[in-house]
Amino acid sequence: MPEEVLFKTESTQSRSEIADYLRRVADSLESGGELRLQTGSESVTVDPPEGATFEVKVEREGPADRPEKSVEFEIEWQEGDAGGEGDGELRID
């Protein structure tokens, strides 16, 4: 089945605003509740299982004289799945 994008948003925000958003996502995950993402009239609600695959990726792309860097955080699970396994513990120093 091809990838289906259910929700996507992109905006320029301050580091503080990004941190606040990530904290709210973390709080929702920790409480075991659903995660509702909304912008304007678009929204999607997901309910990640207790165990899921967590991927962190840092990329550099674009022209060599002015590349763009990105950090991507992704939570993956099979619909109907109860958990996932990973490569090991992730640390942020």
C-alpha atoms as a PDB file:
ATOM      1  CA  MET A   1       0.000   0.000   0.000  1.00  0.00           C
ATOM      2  CA  PRO A   2       1.501   3.387  -0.923  1.00  0.00           C
ATOM      3  CA  GLU A   3       2.171   5.998   1.733  1.00  0.00           C
ATOM      4  CA  GLU A   4      -0.859   8.108   2.601  1.00  0.00           C
ATOM      5  CA  VAL A   5      -0.174  11.447   4.292  1.00  0.00           C
ATOM      6  CA  LEU A   6      -2.971  11.971   6.819  1.00  0.00           C
ATOM      7  CA  PHE A   7      -1.696  15.267   8.223  1.00  0.00           C
ATOM      8  CA  LYS A   8       1.224  17.602   7.569  1.00  0.00           C
ATOM      9  CA  THR A   9       2.113  21.076   8.741  1.00  0.00           C
ATOM     10  CA  GLU A  10       5.225  23.217   8.507  1.00  0.00           C
ATOM     11  CA  SER A  11       5.820  26.643  10.011  1.00  0.00           C
ATOM     12  CA  THR A  12       8.622  28.823  11.309  1.00  0.00           C
ATOM     13  CA  GLN A  13       8.663  28.869  15.112  1.00  0.00           C
ATOM     14  CA  SER A  14      11.087  29.886  17.840  1.00  0.00           C
ATOM     15  CA  ARG A  15      13.096  27.251  19.711  1.00  0.00           C
ATOM     16  CA  SER A  16      10.921  27.944  22.760  1.00  0.00           C
ATOM     17  CA  GLU A  17       7.696  27.365  20.793  1.00  0.00           C
ATOM     18  CA  ILE A  18       9.072  24.125  19.344  1.00  0.00           C
ATOM     19  CA  ALA A  19      10.119  22.924  22.821  1.00  0.00           C
ATOM     20  CA  ASP A  20       6.651  23.730  24.181  1.00  0.00           C
ATOM     21  CA  TYR A  21       4.992  21.759  21.382  1.00  0.00           C
ATOM     22  CA  LEU A  22       7.293  18.759  21.923  1.00  0.00           C
ATOM     23  CA  ARG A  23       6.575  18.885  25.690  1.00  0.00           C
ATOM     24  CA  ARG A  24       2.834  18.753  25.010  1.00  0.00           C
ATOM     25  CA  VAL A  25       3.361  15.761  22.702  1.00  0.00           C
ATOM     26  CA  ALA A  26       5.496  14.067  25.390  1.00  0.00           C
ATOM     27  CA  ASP A  27       2.882  14.749  28.082  1.00  0.00           C
ATOM     28  CA  SER A  28       0.155  13.253  25.909  1.00  0.00           C
ATOM     29  CA  LEU A  29       2.239  10.139  25.189  1.00  0.00           C
ATOM     30  CA  GLU A  30       3.181   9.714  28.844  1.00  0.00           C
ATOM     31  CA  SER A  31      -0.428   9.978  30.013  1.00  0.00           C
ATOM     32  CA  GLY A  32      -1.446   7.233  27.585  1.00  0.00           C
ATOM     33  CA  GLY A  33      -4.009   9.433  25.900  1.00  0.00           C
ATOM     34  CA  GLU A  34      -4.679   9.982  22.245  1.00  0.00           C
ATOM     35  CA  LEU A  35      -2.618  12.550  20.388  1.00  0.00           C
ATOM     36  CA  ARG A  36      -4.692  15.086  18.434  1.00  0.00           C
ATOM     37  CA  LEU A  37      -2.880  17.216  15.875  1.00  0.00           C
ATOM     38  CA  GLN A  38      -4.718  20.213  14.456  1.00  0.00           C
ATOM     39  CA  THR A  39      -4.029  23.207  12.269  1.00  0.00           C
ATOM     40  CA  GLY A  40      -6.831  25.340  10.899  1.00  0.00           C
ATOM     41  CA  SER A  41      -9.635  23.047   9.783  1.00  0.00           C
ATOM     42  CA  GLU A  42      -7.364  19.990   9.428  1.00  0.00           C
ATOM     43  CA  SER A  43      -6.905  17.524  12.267  1.00  0.00           C
ATOM     44  CA  VAL A  44      -5.976  13.922  12.936  1.00  0.00           C
ATOM     45  CA  THR A  45      -6.093  11.864  16.126  1.00  0.00           C
ATOM     46  CA  VAL A  46      -3.721   8.947  16.706  1.00  0.00           C
ATOM     47  CA  ASP A  47      -3.352   6.547  19.616  1.00  0.00           C
ATOM     48  CA  PRO A  48       0.168   5.077  19.671  1.00  0.00           C
ATOM     49  CA  PRO A  49       0.442   1.765  21.547  1.00  0.00           C
ATOM     50  CA  GLU A  50       2.399   1.456  24.796  1.00  0.00           C
ATOM     51  CA  GLY A  51       5.415   0.177  22.820  1.00  0.00           C
ATOM     52  CA  ALA A  52       6.265   1.664  19.420  1.00  0.00           C
ATOM     53  CA  THR A  53       9.339   2.173  17.244  1.00  0.00           C
ATOM     54  CA  PHE A  54      10.964   5.565  17.812  1.00  0.00           C
ATOM     55  CA  GLU A  55      13.289   6.847  15.081  1.00  0.00           C
ATOM     56  CA  VAL A  56      15.501   9.921  15.235  1.00  0.00           C
ATOM     57  CA  LYS A  57      17.216  11.095  12.069  1.00  0.00           C
ATOM     58  CA  VAL A  58      19.535  14.040  11.396  1.00  0.00           C
ATOM     59  CA  GLU A  59      19.925  14.938   7.722  1.00  0.00           C
ATOM     60  CA  ARG A  60      21.887  17.395   5.637  1.00  0.00           C
ATOM     61  CA  GLU A  61      20.640  18.077   2.124  1.00  0.00           C
ATOM     62  CA  GLY A  62      20.826  20.674  -0.592  1.00  0.00           C
ATOM     63  CA  PRO A  63      23.713  22.499  -2.229  1.00  0.00           C
ATOM     64  CA  ALA A  64      27.168  22.094  -0.663  1.00  0.00           C
ATOM     65  CA  ASP A  65      27.607  25.850  -0.191  1.00  0.00           C
ATOM     66  CA  ARG A  66      24.341  26.237   1.755  1.00  0.00           C
ATOM     67  CA  PRO A  67      23.009  22.875   2.962  1.00  0.00           C
ATOM     68  CA  GLU A  68      19.875  22.523   5.051  1.00  0.00           C
ATOM     69  CA  LYS A  69      19.966  20.414   8.218  1.00  0.00           C
ATOM     70  CA  SER A  70      16.975  18.777   9.831  1.00  0.00           C
ATOM     71  CA  VAL A  71      16.178  16.663  12.873  1.00  0.00           C
ATOM     72  CA  GLU A  72      13.237  14.309  12.457  1.00  0.00           C
ATOM     73  CA  PHE A  73      11.453  12.450  15.253  1.00  0.00           C
ATOM     74  CA  GLU A  74       9.185   9.619  14.127  1.00  0.00           C
ATOM     75  CA  ILE A  75       6.989   7.216  16.075  1.00  0.00           C
ATOM     76  CA  GLU A  76       5.959   4.139  14.082  1.00  0.00           C
ATOM     77  CA  TRP A  77       3.640   1.235  14.779  1.00  0.00           C
ATOM     78  CA  GLN A  78       1.486  -1.219  12.888  1.00  0.00           C
ATOM     79  CA  GLU A  79      -2.201  -0.392  13.221  1.00  0.00           C
ATOM     80  CA  GLY A  80      -3.580  -2.768  15.825  1.00  0.00           C
ATOM     81  CA  ASP A  81      -0.078  -3.466  17.231  1.00  0.00           C
ATOM     82  CA  ALA A  82       0.675  -3.492  20.948  1.00  0.00           C
ATOM     83  CA  GLY A  83       4.421  -2.744  20.834  1.00  0.00           C
ATOM     84  CA  GLY A  84       7.729  -2.534  19.013  1.00  0.00           C
ATOM     85  CA  GLU A  85      11.442  -3.201  19.391  1.00  0.00           C
ATOM     86  CA  GLY A  86      14.363  -0.924  18.682  1.00  0.00           C
ATOM     87  CA  ASP A  87      18.125  -0.755  18.285  1.00  0.00           C
ATOM     88  CA  GLY A  88      18.836   0.384  21.849  1.00  0.00           C
ATOM     89  CA  GLU A  89      18.492   3.279  24.240  1.00  0.00           C
ATOM     90  CA  LEU A  90      18.435   6.798  22.811  1.00  0.00           C
ATOM     91  CA  ARG A  91      20.115   9.505  24.876  1.00  0.00           C
ATOM     92  CA  ILE A  92      19.976  13.246  24.433  1.00  0.00           C
ATOM     93  CA  ASP A  93      22.974  14.948  26.030  1.00  0.00           C
END
